[in-house]
Each structure stands twice: as C-alpha cells, then as structure tokens.
Amino acid sequence: MYDISFVRYLPKNTTIPFISWRKISMVLSILAIIGSIFLFSTRNLNYGIDFKGGTVVEFQLDHDPSDADMETSRRLGESIGLGAFQVQTITIRDEATGVDNIAIRLSITKQPALEGDETDDRAQQIALDKTEAALKETFGDSVKFHGRQVLGSKVSDELKTKGALAVILALFFVLLYIWVRFEWQFGAGAVIALAHDVILTIGVFSLTQLEFNLSIVAAILTIVGYSLNDTVIVYDRIRENLRKFKSKPLEDVLNLSINDTLSRTIMTSVTTMLALVALFVWGGDGLHGFAFAMIWGVFVGTYSSIFVAAPVLMVLGVNRTGAHK
C-alpha cells in the first residue's frame, strides 16, 4: 500500500546552517521589537470592554440575525450619541425547547456626558437604558433581551493590571524553571525568546487594532506555554549534544541540535496551525481575536525557538560539560 502519511514528506538529516543566520535574525528581531514598542506607544491597543469598562447588552430577534441586522445594531449607537457598538453573535440555548438560538451581543464602551454629581456607574446605566430603548424602537416587538452587564472603570483597571501581572509572573517562573532544569544561560535565552513573542504579539494587535480583551491575555499565556515547550525540546537536544560532542564547536552543536528537532517542530506547528485556522474561519466573532493571536503566536514562537533562543547561547556561552544532570 502506498504511504501517504505527512511524516513521509518531512525533511530528514538536514544540515541547515541556522546559527550562521543569527546576525540577520537578530537584526530582524530587534527591528520588530522596536516597531512593536513604537506602535504600542503611538496607537496603543484597541482595548475591549474588559479593560475599558462599559456595558454589554444581549438580545434576540424572532429570526436569525442577518448582516443587515448586525450593521443596524452596530450603527445604532451613533444615533443615540454612544458611537458605533461592537457587535458579535452568540448562541443561547432555550431551556424549554432545548433549541440553540442565535442572539446578538452589543459591547458599549463609550459613556454619555456626565451631568452634575453623576458617577460613572450612573452614566453606564444611562447608556444601558438608551440602548435598550433604541433597540425596541428599531426592532419593535421582535426584540427579546437576555442579559445586561455593567463593568465599572475600577474593575476594568484591575483586570488590566492583573492581566499584565499574569504575563510577567509567567515569564519569571519560566526563567526559574529553565534555570533549575538547565543553566542560567538557558533560562535567560528562554525568557528573551518568550519576551520577544509577547512583545511582537502586542505589536501586531496595535497594528491591526483588533479588540484586545481577556481572551487575548489567555492567548498570550498559551503562546508562552507553546513557545516554551518548543524551546525546551531544542534545549534538551542541545544539552544532550553538548555532552556527546565535547570537542565540537558550539555553533556546530547548536546547528545539529536544531536540525535534529526540525521535523518535530514542523509537525507540531503545522498540525496546530490546521486547528487554529479552522477555529479562525469557522469559530465566529467571539473566537476570532483569540484564534488570530494563537496563529501569530505559533508562527513567532517557532521562529524564536530556532532563531532567538538557540543563538542567545552563542552570546552567553554554556558549560560544555552539560547542564544539570
């Protein structure tokens, strides 16, 4: 029987001189990092309601919402002075019939002007009332409300702080873990690679202005885990080859180790990408940002494991007798 498995087409015993390209990759990475920081400083992120505060209204029509209904809902805020709403479809199960119905979720981040001693919470309540009244006027009796949520500015600021703290702590514990398992040079290399991935992910969200919410923070933490796994595989082979080829130049050992793990890296990245592309295309608006972040993260994570984490060892140097045993 003819073998049509994908593994059959993966390269074997490659001798690609990855480390020879380290200067080019270093320049590209530094420029990408500078560009990402510049974009974040000038454009910032398009924060979602999680980090901005605001109001969420969920409602259902007596029919599945069309593109025209979605556009009408998005522009509804402009007519009541709240700017264009962020709109997405969600699935709501009717407990009585067990049928899944398509509903619309409006995210309202702009607040009406405050008067006198009115608080932010009062302003958000006014926005909620205006929105529900406008929906009833636009769609009539066909609209049925399923839920409302008000997120205050204090809560959103707290979520923003905790999100940043989660990423920083993740990088710190990665440094600690790699340091204990290998050597401090390996730990520093892993953290530099992961910081590279996080900064570039924030940069691409600043560039595209896709909504940045808690699900994107979850995606960034997942990217850290994925990239770390890829880096540890490469580092483990480097440590093994350092013990095996003690007289071989470090550059040759690094190239050999990356090539040894190349087929595994390709297989993992391609299969992960297949699932993420399917999620991006058919997952709906609610998962669009998360899937995009993960696709980008797999790409830069694979790149950094080869062209950042390994070449850093050339700069920092390693113990040729091997890391911790």
C-alpha atoms as a PDB file:
ATOM      1  CA  MET A   1       0.000   0.000   0.000  1.00  0.00           C
ATOM      2  CA  TYR A   2       1.296   3.460  -0.908  1.00  0.00           C
ATOM      3  CA  ASP A   3       2.304   5.534   2.112  1.00  0.00           C
ATOM      4  CA  ILE A   4       0.572   8.942   2.010  1.00  0.00           C
ATOM      5  CA  SER A   5       1.346   9.982   5.594  1.00  0.00           C
ATOM      6  CA  PHE A   6       2.541  13.539   6.080  1.00  0.00           C
ATOM      7  CA  VAL A   7       5.550  12.379   8.119  1.00  0.00           C
ATOM      8  CA  ARG A   8       6.954  10.717   4.993  1.00  0.00           C
ATOM      9  CA  TYR A   9       7.484  14.130   3.392  1.00  0.00           C
ATOM     10  CA  LEU A  10       9.271  15.758   6.322  1.00  0.00           C
ATOM     11  CA  PRO A  11      12.977  16.500   5.833  1.00  0.00           C
ATOM     12  CA  LYS A  12      15.413  14.038   7.420  1.00  0.00           C
ATOM     13  CA  ASN A  13      19.039  14.516   8.417  1.00  0.00           C
ATOM     14  CA  THR A  14      19.001  18.165   7.409  1.00  0.00           C
ATOM     15  CA  THR A  15      22.128  20.306   7.721  1.00  0.00           C
ATOM     16  CA  ILE A  16      20.630  23.796   7.531  1.00  0.00           C
ATOM     17  CA  PRO A  17      23.068  26.376   8.993  1.00  0.00           C
ATOM     18  CA  PHE A  18      20.541  28.187  11.191  1.00  0.00           C
ATOM     19  CA  ILE A  19      23.141  29.692  13.521  1.00  0.00           C
ATOM     20  CA  SER A  20      25.012  31.193  10.566  1.00  0.00           C
ATOM     21  CA  TRP A  21      21.952  33.387  10.017  1.00  0.00           C
ATOM     22  CA  ARG A  22      21.885  34.623  13.618  1.00  0.00           C
ATOM     23  CA  LYS A  23      23.059  38.148  12.777  1.00  0.00           C
ATOM     24  CA  ILE A  24      20.309  38.599  10.184  1.00  0.00           C
ATOM     25  CA  SER A  25      17.672  37.152  12.526  1.00  0.00           C
ATOM     26  CA  MET A  26      18.953  39.340  15.373  1.00  0.00           C
ATOM     27  CA  VAL A  27      18.569  42.491  13.275  1.00  0.00           C
ATOM     28  CA  LEU A  28      15.071  41.438  12.153  1.00  0.00           C
ATOM     29  CA  SER A  29      14.005  40.652  15.728  1.00  0.00           C
ATOM     30  CA  ILE A  30      15.366  43.918  17.124  1.00  0.00           C
ATOM     31  CA  LEU A  31      13.635  45.918  14.383  1.00  0.00           C
ATOM     32  CA  ALA A  32      10.376  44.023  15.020  1.00  0.00           C
ATOM     33  CA  ILE A  33      10.609  44.691  18.756  1.00  0.00           C
ATOM     34  CA  ILE A  34      11.330  48.391  18.222  1.00  0.00           C
ATOM     35  CA  GLY A  35       8.443  48.605  15.749  1.00  0.00           C
ATOM     36  CA  SER A  36       6.088  46.874  18.184  1.00  0.00           C
ATOM     37  CA  ILE A  37       7.039  49.210  21.038  1.00  0.00           C
ATOM     38  CA  PHE A  38       6.610  52.215  18.726  1.00  0.00           C
ATOM     39  CA  LEU A  39       3.158  51.042  17.608  1.00  0.00           C
ATOM     40  CA  PHE A  40       2.082  50.416  21.196  1.00  0.00           C
ATOM     41  CA  SER A  41       3.342  53.874  22.250  1.00  0.00           C
ATOM     42  CA  THR A  42       1.646  55.725  19.402  1.00  0.00           C
ATOM     43  CA  ARG A  43      -1.500  53.683  18.615  1.00  0.00           C
ATOM     44  CA  ASN A  44      -1.899  51.746  21.859  1.00  0.00           C
ATOM     45  CA  LEU A  45      -4.250  48.756  21.870  1.00  0.00           C
ATOM     46  CA  ASN A  46      -7.901  48.630  20.956  1.00  0.00           C
ATOM     47  CA  TYR A  47      -8.991  47.617  24.448  1.00  0.00           C
ATOM     48  CA  GLY A  48     -12.244  45.734  24.733  1.00  0.00           C
ATOM     49  CA  ILE A  49     -14.851  46.188  27.389  1.00  0.00           C
ATOM     50  CA  ASP A  50     -12.835  44.032  29.806  1.00  0.00           C
ATOM     51  CA  PHE A  51     -10.137  46.698  30.010  1.00  0.00           C
ATOM     52  CA  LYS A  52     -12.179  49.831  29.222  1.00  0.00           C
ATOM     53  CA  GLY A  53     -15.274  49.363  31.255  1.00  0.00           C
ATOM     54  CA  GLY A  54     -18.706  49.738  29.743  1.00  0.00           C
ATOM     55  CA  THR A  55     -21.975  47.948  29.160  1.00  0.00           C
ATOM     56  CA  VAL A  56     -22.998  44.691  27.482  1.00  0.00           C
ATOM     57  CA  VAL A  57     -26.498  44.032  26.153  1.00  0.00           C
ATOM     58  CA  GLU A  58     -27.558  40.628  24.832  1.00  0.00           C
ATOM     59  CA  PHE A  59     -30.771  40.361  22.816  1.00  0.00           C
ATOM     60  CA  GLN A  60     -32.504  38.010  20.416  1.00  0.00           C
ATOM     61  CA  LEU A  61     -34.755  38.678  17.429  1.00  0.00           C
ATOM     62  CA  ASP A  62     -37.643  36.497  16.263  1.00  0.00           C
ATOM     63  CA  HIS A  63     -35.389  35.367  13.404  1.00  0.00           C
ATOM     64  CA  ASP A  64     -31.715  34.616  12.932  1.00  0.00           C
ATOM     65  CA  PRO A  65     -29.937  37.967  12.625  1.00  0.00           C
ATOM     66  CA  SER A  66     -28.895  38.901   9.089  1.00  0.00           C
ATOM     67  CA  ASP A  67     -25.906  41.001   8.058  1.00  0.00           C
ATOM     68  CA  ALA A  68     -28.289  43.957   7.781  1.00  0.00           C
ATOM     69  CA  ASP A  69     -29.461  43.408  11.381  1.00  0.00           C
ATOM     70  CA  MET A  70     -25.843  43.294  12.565  1.00  0.00           C
ATOM     71  CA  GLU A  71     -24.980  46.510  10.733  1.00  0.00           C
ATOM     72  CA  THR A  72     -28.107  48.233  12.047  1.00  0.00           C
ATOM     73  CA  SER A  73     -27.192  47.204  15.581  1.00  0.00           C
ATOM     74  CA  ARG A  74     -23.612  48.422  15.174  1.00  0.00           C
ATOM     75  CA  ARG A  75     -24.680  51.861  13.921  1.00  0.00           C
ATOM     76  CA  LEU A  76     -27.464  52.205  16.456  1.00  0.00           C
ATOM     77  CA  GLY A  77     -25.093  53.757  18.958  1.00  0.00           C
ATOM     78  CA  GLU A  78     -24.277  56.637  16.620  1.00  0.00           C
ATOM     79  CA  SER A  79     -27.930  57.709  16.594  1.00  0.00           C
ATOM     80  CA  ILE A  80     -28.009  57.947  20.399  1.00  0.00           C
ATOM     81  CA  GLY A  81     -24.576  59.541  20.802  1.00  0.00           C
ATOM     82  CA  LEU A  82     -22.663  56.468  22.009  1.00  0.00           C
ATOM     83  CA  GLY A  83     -20.559  55.783  18.929  1.00  0.00           C
ATOM     84  CA  ALA A  84     -20.580  52.575  16.887  1.00  0.00           C
ATOM     85  CA  PHE A  85     -21.269  49.490  19.009  1.00  0.00           C
ATOM     86  CA  GLN A  86     -19.066  46.406  18.929  1.00  0.00           C
ATOM     87  CA  VAL A  87     -21.322  43.589  17.733  1.00  0.00           C
ATOM     88  CA  GLN A  88     -20.954  39.821  17.777  1.00  0.00           C
ATOM     89  CA  THR A  89     -23.287  36.843  17.546  1.00  0.00           C
ATOM     90  CA  ILE A  90     -23.645  34.363  20.406  1.00  0.00           C
ATOM     91  CA  THR A  91     -25.566  31.140  20.880  1.00  0.00           C
ATOM     92  CA  ILE A  92     -28.251  30.992  23.569  1.00  0.00           C
ATOM     93  CA  ARG A  93     -29.990  27.735  24.428  1.00  0.00           C
ATOM     94  CA  ASP A  94     -33.725  27.794  25.054  1.00  0.00           C
ATOM     95  CA  GLU A  95     -34.027  25.613  28.154  1.00  0.00           C
ATOM     96  CA  ALA A  96     -37.713  24.951  27.500  1.00  0.00           C
ATOM     97  CA  THR A  97     -37.250  23.543  23.999  1.00  0.00           C
ATOM     98  CA  GLY A  98     -33.559  22.666  24.060  1.00  0.00           C
ATOM     99  CA  VAL A  99     -33.049  24.625  20.836  1.00  0.00           C
ATOM    100  CA  ASP A 100     -29.982  26.808  20.251  1.00  0.00           C
ATOM    101  CA  ASN A 101     -30.878  30.327  19.124  1.00  0.00           C
ATOM    102  CA  ILE A 102     -28.575  32.958  17.633  1.00  0.00           C
ATOM    103  CA  ALA A 103     -28.526  36.195  19.616  1.00  0.00           C
ATOM    104  CA  ILE A 104     -26.609  39.467  19.333  1.00  0.00           C
ATOM    105  CA  ARG A 105     -24.225  40.901  21.916  1.00  0.00           C
ATOM    106  CA  LEU A 106     -23.556  44.638  21.944  1.00  0.00           C
ATOM    107  CA  SER A 107     -20.474  45.975  23.723  1.00  0.00           C
ATOM    108  CA  ILE A 108     -20.806  49.662  24.616  1.00  0.00           C
ATOM    109  CA  THR A 109     -17.582  51.305  25.774  1.00  0.00           C
ATOM    110  CA  LYS A 110     -18.486  54.966  25.284  1.00  0.00           C
ATOM    111  CA  GLN A 111     -20.360  56.742  28.071  1.00  0.00           C
ATOM    112  CA  PRO A 112     -22.788  59.647  27.794  1.00  0.00           C
ATOM    113  CA  ALA A 113     -21.617  63.001  29.154  1.00  0.00           C
ATOM    114  CA  LEU A 114     -21.957  63.254  32.927  1.00  0.00           C
ATOM    115  CA  GLU A 115     -24.043  65.991  34.491  1.00  0.00           C
ATOM    116  CA  GLY A 116     -23.587  67.395  37.956  1.00  0.00           C
ATOM    117  CA  ASP A 117     -22.534  64.786  40.506  1.00  0.00           C
ATOM    118  CA  GLU A 118     -23.430  61.750  38.380  1.00  0.00           C
ATOM    119  CA  THR A 119     -20.963  58.872  38.706  1.00  0.00           C
ATOM    120  CA  ASP A 120     -19.519  56.543  36.076  1.00  0.00           C
ATOM    121  CA  ASP A 121     -21.914  53.827  37.187  1.00  0.00           C
ATOM    122  CA  ARG A 122     -24.854  56.152  36.619  1.00  0.00           C
ATOM    123  CA  ALA A 123     -23.522  57.065  33.178  1.00  0.00           C
ATOM    124  CA  GLN A 124     -23.290  53.397  32.251  1.00  0.00           C
ATOM    125  CA  GLN A 125     -26.845  52.842  33.450  1.00  0.00           C
ATOM    126  CA  ILE A 126     -28.000  55.735  31.246  1.00  0.00           C
ATOM    127  CA  ALA A 127     -26.166  54.158  28.294  1.00  0.00           C
ATOM    128  CA  LEU A 128     -27.878  50.851  29.023  1.00  0.00           C
ATOM    129  CA  ASP A 129     -31.347  52.411  29.164  1.00  0.00           C
ATOM    130  CA  LYS A 130     -30.759  54.396  25.954  1.00  0.00           C
ATOM    131  CA  THR A 131     -29.555  51.316  24.143  1.00  0.00           C
ATOM    132  CA  GLU A 132     -32.479  49.123  25.153  1.00  0.00           C
ATOM    133  CA  ALA A 133     -34.964  51.879  24.238  1.00  0.00           C
ATOM    134  CA  ALA A 134     -33.298  52.325  20.823  1.00  0.00           C
ATOM    135  CA  LEU A 135     -33.390  48.566  20.190  1.00  0.00           C
ATOM    136  CA  LYS A 136     -37.103  48.406  20.982  1.00  0.00           C
ATOM    137  CA  GLU A 137     -37.764  51.348  18.700  1.00  0.00           C
ATOM    138  CA  THR A 138     -35.722  49.834  15.861  1.00  0.00           C
ATOM    139  CA  PHE A 139     -36.761  46.179  16.019  1.00  0.00           C
ATOM    140  CA  GLY A 140     -40.157  46.542  17.736  1.00  0.00           C
ATOM    141  CA  ASP A 141     -41.710  43.557  19.479  1.00  0.00           C
ATOM    142  CA  SER A 142     -39.300  41.127  17.796  1.00  0.00           C
ATOM    143  CA  VAL A 143     -36.525  42.010  20.261  1.00  0.00           C
ATOM    144  CA  LYS A 144     -36.134  39.922  23.419  1.00  0.00           C
ATOM    145  CA  PHE A 145     -33.469  40.811  25.986  1.00  0.00           C
ATOM    146  CA  HIS A 146     -31.412  38.009  27.503  1.00  0.00           C
ATOM    147  CA  GLY A 147     -28.925  39.795  29.687  1.00  0.00           C
ATOM    148  CA  ARG A 148     -27.193  43.003  30.636  1.00  0.00           C
ATOM    149  CA  GLN A 149     -23.848  43.606  32.274  1.00  0.00           C
ATOM    150  CA  VAL A 150     -22.157  46.747  33.555  1.00  0.00           C
ATOM    151  CA  LEU A 151     -18.391  46.767  34.057  1.00  0.00           C
ATOM    152  CA  GLY A 152     -17.073  49.741  36.030  1.00  0.00           C
ATOM    153  CA  SER A 153     -13.813  51.526  35.316  1.00  0.00           C
ATOM    154  CA  LYS A 154     -12.277  50.363  38.615  1.00  0.00           C
ATOM    155  CA  VAL A 155     -12.916  46.740  37.738  1.00  0.00           C
ATOM    156  CA  SER A 156     -11.525  47.172  34.212  1.00  0.00           C
ATOM    157  CA  ASP A 157      -8.353  48.839  35.539  1.00  0.00           C
ATOM    158  CA  GLU A 158      -7.920  45.979  37.984  1.00  0.00           C
ATOM    159  CA  LEU A 159      -8.312  43.427  35.176  1.00  0.00           C
ATOM    160  CA  LYS A 160      -5.716  45.281  33.104  1.00  0.00           C
ATOM    161  CA  THR A 161      -3.241  45.218  35.997  1.00  0.00           C
ATOM    162  CA  LYS A 162      -3.853  41.548  36.741  1.00  0.00           C
ATOM    163  CA  GLY A 163      -3.525  40.634  33.055  1.00  0.00           C
ATOM    164  CA  ALA A 164      -0.098  42.309  32.829  1.00  0.00           C
ATOM    165  CA  LEU A 165       0.933  40.734  36.134  1.00  0.00           C
ATOM    166  CA  ALA A 166      -0.054  37.267  34.887  1.00  0.00           C
ATOM    167  CA  VAL A 167       2.239  37.606  31.845  1.00  0.00           C
ATOM    168  CA  ILE A 168       5.161  38.935  33.935  1.00  0.00           C
ATOM    169  CA  LEU A 169       4.819  36.145  36.511  1.00  0.00           C
ATOM    170  CA  ALA A 170       4.652  33.562  33.727  1.00  0.00           C
ATOM    171  CA  LEU A 171       7.976  34.817  32.330  1.00  0.00           C
ATOM    172  CA  PHE A 172       9.550  34.852  35.809  1.00  0.00           C
ATOM    173  CA  PHE A 173       8.566  31.268  36.593  1.00  0.00           C
ATOM    174  CA  VAL A 174       9.771  30.176  33.155  1.00  0.00           C
ATOM    175  CA  LEU A 175      13.181  31.683  33.977  1.00  0.00           C
ATOM    176  CA  LEU A 176      13.193  29.866  37.313  1.00  0.00           C
ATOM    177  CA  TYR A 177      12.150  26.538  35.788  1.00  0.00           C
ATOM    178  CA  ILE A 178      14.699  26.595  32.947  1.00  0.00           C
ATOM    179  CA  TRP A 179      17.446  27.774  35.317  1.00  0.00           C
ATOM    180  CA  VAL A 180      16.821  24.792  37.615  1.00  0.00           C
ATOM    181  CA  ARG A 181      16.475  22.279  34.780  1.00  0.00           C
ATOM    182  CA  PHE A 182      19.380  23.518  32.658  1.00  0.00           C
ATOM    183  CA  GLU A 183      21.660  26.503  33.400  1.00  0.00           C
ATOM    184  CA  TRP A 184      21.084  30.210  33.858  1.00  0.00           C
ATOM    185  CA  GLN A 185      22.163  30.861  30.246  1.00  0.00           C
ATOM    186  CA  PHE A 186      19.360  28.603  29.024  1.00  0.00           C
ATOM    187  CA  GLY A 187      16.897  30.348  31.335  1.00  0.00           C
ATOM    188  CA  ALA A 188      17.918  33.780  30.073  1.00  0.00           C
ATOM    189  CA  GLY A 189      17.650  32.575  26.466  1.00  0.00           C
ATOM    190  CA  ALA A 190      14.156  31.157  27.031  1.00  0.00           C
ATOM    191  CA  VAL A 191      12.885  34.339  28.697  1.00  0.00           C
ATOM    192  CA  ILE A 192      14.373  36.533  25.946  1.00  0.00           C
ATOM    193  CA  ALA A 193      12.621  34.367  23.338  1.00  0.00           C
ATOM    194  CA  LEU A 194       9.305  34.462  25.204  1.00  0.00           C
ATOM    195  CA  ALA A 195       9.507  38.219  25.797  1.00  0.00           C
ATOM    196  CA  HIS A 196      10.192  38.553  22.062  1.00  0.00           C
ATOM    197  CA  ASP A 197       6.989  36.597  21.309  1.00  0.00           C
ATOM    198  CA  VAL A 198       4.851  38.599  23.742  1.00  0.00           C
ATOM    199  CA  ILE A 199       6.116  41.988  22.514  1.00  0.00           C
ATOM    200  CA  LEU A 200       5.560  41.063  18.854  1.00  0.00           C
ATOM    201  CA  THR A 201       2.047  39.815  19.634  1.00  0.00           C
ATOM    202  CA  ILE A 202       1.186  43.108  21.343  1.00  0.00           C
ATOM    203  CA  GLY A 203       2.730  44.924  18.386  1.00  0.00           C
ATOM    204  CA  VAL A 204       0.597  43.113  15.809  1.00  0.00           C
ATOM    205  CA  PHE A 205      -2.543  43.886  17.833  1.00  0.00           C
ATOM    206  CA  SER A 206      -1.519  47.545  17.952  1.00  0.00           C
ATOM    207  CA  LEU A 207      -1.031  47.444  14.178  1.00  0.00           C
ATOM    208  CA  THR A 208      -4.293  45.674  13.313  1.00  0.00           C
ATOM    209  CA  GLN A 209      -6.349  47.338  16.087  1.00  0.00           C
ATOM    210  CA  LEU A 210      -8.183  44.076  16.711  1.00  0.00           C
ATOM    211  CA  GLU A 211     -10.018  44.099  20.025  1.00  0.00           C
ATOM    212  CA  PHE A 212      -7.700  43.299  22.935  1.00  0.00           C
ATOM    213  CA  ASN A 213      -9.616  41.630  25.760  1.00  0.00           C
ATOM    214  CA  LEU A 214      -9.169  38.952  28.412  1.00  0.00           C
ATOM    215  CA  SER A 215      -9.309  36.165  25.833  1.00  0.00           C
ATOM    216  CA  ILE A 216      -6.235  37.687  24.157  1.00  0.00           C
ATOM    217  CA  VAL A 217      -4.406  37.658  27.502  1.00  0.00           C
ATOM    218  CA  ALA A 218      -5.315  33.968  27.730  1.00  0.00           C
ATOM    219  CA  ALA A 219      -3.958  33.520  24.190  1.00  0.00           C
ATOM    220  CA  ILE A 220      -0.684  35.244  25.128  1.00  0.00           C
ATOM    221  CA  LEU A 221      -0.244  32.934  28.128  1.00  0.00           C
ATOM    222  CA  THR A 222      -0.972  29.967  25.848  1.00  0.00           C
ATOM    223  CA  ILE A 223       1.617  31.277  23.383  1.00  0.00           C
ATOM    224  CA  VAL A 224       4.146  31.428  26.228  1.00  0.00           C
ATOM    225  CA  GLY A 225       3.424  27.791  27.022  1.00  0.00           C
ATOM    226  CA  TYR A 226       3.609  26.681  23.378  1.00  0.00           C
ATOM    227  CA  SER A 227       6.826  28.563  22.660  1.00  0.00           C
ATOM    228  CA  LEU A 228       8.395  27.324  25.905  1.00  0.00           C
ATOM    229  CA  ASN A 229       7.583  23.719  25.000  1.00  0.00           C
ATOM    230  CA  ASP A 230       9.248  24.166  21.608  1.00  0.00           C
ATOM    231  CA  THR A 231      12.269  25.862  23.185  1.00  0.00           C
ATOM    232  CA  VAL A 232      12.700  23.160  25.843  1.00  0.00           C
ATOM    233  CA  ILE A 233      12.729  20.459  23.147  1.00  0.00           C
ATOM    234  CA  VAL A 234      15.536  22.275  21.332  1.00  0.00           C
ATOM    235  CA  TYR A 235      17.411  22.998  24.579  1.00  0.00           C
ATOM    236  CA  ASP A 236      17.161  19.391  25.701  1.00  0.00           C
ATOM    237  CA  ARG A 237      18.767  18.220  22.462  1.00  0.00           C
ATOM    238  CA  ILE A 238      21.436  20.927  22.772  1.00  0.00           C
ATOM    239  CA  ARG A 239      22.296  19.740  26.281  1.00  0.00           C
ATOM    240  CA  GLU A 240      22.455  16.131  25.090  1.00  0.00           C
ATOM    241  CA  ASN A 241      24.723  17.003  22.162  1.00  0.00           C
ATOM    242  CA  LEU A 242      26.973  19.181  24.322  1.00  0.00           C
ATOM    243  CA  ARG A 243      27.750  16.121  26.420  1.00  0.00           C
ATOM    244  CA  LYS A 244      28.130  13.885  23.381  1.00  0.00           C
ATOM    245  CA  PHE A 245      30.327  16.172  21.250  1.00  0.00           C
ATOM    246  CA  LYS A 246      32.533  17.955  23.785  1.00  0.00           C
ATOM    247  CA  SER A 247      35.198  18.927  21.254  1.00  0.00           C
ATOM    248  CA  LYS A 248      32.819  20.098  18.502  1.00  0.00           C
ATOM    249  CA  PRO A 249      32.456  23.907  18.119  1.00  0.00           C
ATOM    250  CA  LEU A 250      29.394  25.332  19.860  1.00  0.00           C
ATOM    251  CA  GLU A 251      27.934  26.682  16.606  1.00  0.00           C
ATOM    252  CA  ASP A 252      28.046  23.194  15.070  1.00  0.00           C
ATOM    253  CA  VAL A 253      26.402  21.671  18.140  1.00  0.00           C
ATOM    254  CA  LEU A 254      23.576  24.225  18.032  1.00  0.00           C
ATOM    255  CA  ASN A 255      23.009  23.663  14.308  1.00  0.00           C
ATOM    256  CA  LEU A 256      22.999  19.896  14.795  1.00  0.00           C
ATOM    257  CA  SER A 257      20.501  20.138  17.672  1.00  0.00           C
ATOM    258  CA  ILE A 258      18.078  22.399  15.772  1.00  0.00           C
ATOM    259  CA  ASN A 259      18.226  20.133  12.727  1.00  0.00           C
ATOM    260  CA  ASP A 260      17.683  17.063  14.899  1.00  0.00           C
ATOM    261  CA  THR A 261      14.406  18.519  16.189  1.00  0.00           C
ATOM    262  CA  LEU A 262      13.333  20.210  12.945  1.00  0.00           C
ATOM    263  CA  SER A 263      10.878  17.530  11.775  1.00  0.00           C
ATOM    264  CA  ARG A 264       9.210  17.509  15.182  1.00  0.00           C
ATOM    265  CA  THR A 265       8.973  21.317  15.119  1.00  0.00           C
ATOM    266  CA  ILE A 266       7.418  21.311  11.640  1.00  0.00           C
ATOM    267  CA  MET A 267       4.911  18.591  12.517  1.00  0.00           C
ATOM    268  CA  THR A 268       3.806  20.310  15.741  1.00  0.00           C
ATOM    269  CA  SER A 269       3.491  23.738  14.126  1.00  0.00           C
ATOM    270  CA  VAL A 270       1.585  22.525  11.047  1.00  0.00           C
ATOM    271  CA  THR A 271      -0.922  20.399  12.977  1.00  0.00           C
ATOM    272  CA  THR A 272      -1.506  23.212  15.484  1.00  0.00           C
ATOM    273  CA  MET A 273      -1.969  25.697  12.640  1.00  0.00           C
ATOM    274  CA  LEU A 274      -4.585  23.475  10.980  1.00  0.00           C
ATOM    275  CA  ALA A 275      -6.728  23.523  14.112  1.00  0.00           C
ATOM    276  CA  LEU A 276      -6.253  27.259  14.651  1.00  0.00           C
ATOM    277  CA  VAL A 277      -7.071  28.209  11.050  1.00  0.00           C
ATOM    278  CA  ALA A 278     -10.296  26.185  11.305  1.00  0.00           C
ATOM    279  CA  LEU A 279     -11.085  28.000  14.560  1.00  0.00           C
ATOM    280  CA  PHE A 280     -10.327  31.366  12.950  1.00  0.00           C
ATOM    281  CA  VAL A 281     -12.512  30.709   9.894  1.00  0.00           C
ATOM    282  CA  TRP A 282     -15.484  28.953  11.491  1.00  0.00           C
ATOM    283  CA  GLY A 283     -15.222  29.853  15.179  1.00  0.00           C
ATOM    284  CA  GLY A 284     -17.324  33.015  14.959  1.00  0.00           C
ATOM    285  CA  ASP A 285     -16.657  36.567  16.109  1.00  0.00           C
ATOM    286  CA  GLY A 286     -16.229  35.554  19.737  1.00  0.00           C
ATOM    287  CA  LEU A 287     -13.152  33.421  18.960  1.00  0.00           C
ATOM    288  CA  HIS A 288     -11.783  35.478  16.068  1.00  0.00           C
ATOM    289  CA  GLY A 289      -9.279  37.501  18.110  1.00  0.00           C
ATOM    290  CA  PHE A 290      -8.155  34.515  20.193  1.00  0.00           C
ATOM    291  CA  ALA A 291      -7.559  32.364  17.101  1.00  0.00           C
ATOM    292  CA  PHE A 292      -5.665  35.168  15.350  1.00  0.00           C
ATOM    293  CA  ALA A 293      -3.430  35.675  18.392  1.00  0.00           C
ATOM    294  CA  MET A 294      -2.712  31.956  18.562  1.00  0.00           C
ATOM    295  CA  ILE A 295      -1.898  31.682  14.849  1.00  0.00           C
ATOM    296  CA  TRP A 296       0.515  34.586  15.130  1.00  0.00           C
ATOM    297  CA  GLY A 297       1.909  33.138  18.379  1.00  0.00           C
ATOM    298  CA  VAL A 298       2.639  29.728  16.825  1.00  0.00           C
ATOM    299  CA  PHE A 299       4.477  31.456  13.976  1.00  0.00           C
ATOM    300  CA  VAL A 300       6.653  33.731  16.142  1.00  0.00           C
ATOM    301  CA  GLY A 301       7.071  31.008  18.794  1.00  0.00           C
ATOM    302  CA  THR A 302       8.507  28.592  16.239  1.00  0.00           C
ATOM    303  CA  TYR A 303      10.734  31.356  14.850  1.00  0.00           C
ATOM    304  CA  SER A 304      12.031  32.399  18.278  1.00  0.00           C
ATOM    305  CA  SER A 305      12.835  28.821  19.348  1.00  0.00           C
ATOM    306  CA  ILE A 306      15.165  28.486  16.361  1.00  0.00           C
ATOM    307  CA  PHE A 307      16.454  31.998  15.689  1.00  0.00           C
ATOM    308  CA  VAL A 308      16.371  33.605  19.159  1.00  0.00           C
ATOM    309  CA  ALA A 309      16.589  31.029  21.966  1.00  0.00           C
ATOM    310  CA  ALA A 310      19.413  28.972  20.445  1.00  0.00           C
ATOM    311  CA  PRO A 311      21.613  31.850  19.138  1.00  0.00           C
ATOM    312  CA  VAL A 312      21.445  33.565  22.557  1.00  0.00           C
ATOM    313  CA  LEU A 313      23.566  30.683  23.865  1.00  0.00           C
ATOM    314  CA  MET A 314      26.311  31.736  21.444  1.00  0.00           C
ATOM    315  CA  VAL A 315      26.387  35.133  23.125  1.00  0.00           C
ATOM    316  CA  LEU A 316      26.082  33.981  26.741  1.00  0.00           C
ATOM    317  CA  GLY A 317      28.173  30.823  26.412  1.00  0.00           C
ATOM    318  CA  VAL A 318      27.340  27.488  28.051  1.00  0.00           C
ATOM    319  CA  ASN A 319      29.053  24.877  30.168  1.00  0.00           C
ATOM    320  CA  ARG A 320      30.484  22.400  27.650  1.00  0.00           C
ATOM    321  CA  THR A 321      30.294  19.571  30.190  1.00  0.00           C
ATOM    322  CA  GLY A 322      26.493  19.898  30.026  1.00  0.00           C
ATOM    323  CA  ALA A 323      23.798  21.410  32.163  1.00  0.00           C
ATOM    324  CA  HIS A 324      22.443  19.964  35.377  1.00  0.00           C
ATOM    325  CA  LYS A 325      22.191  16.218  35.348  1.00  0.00           C
END
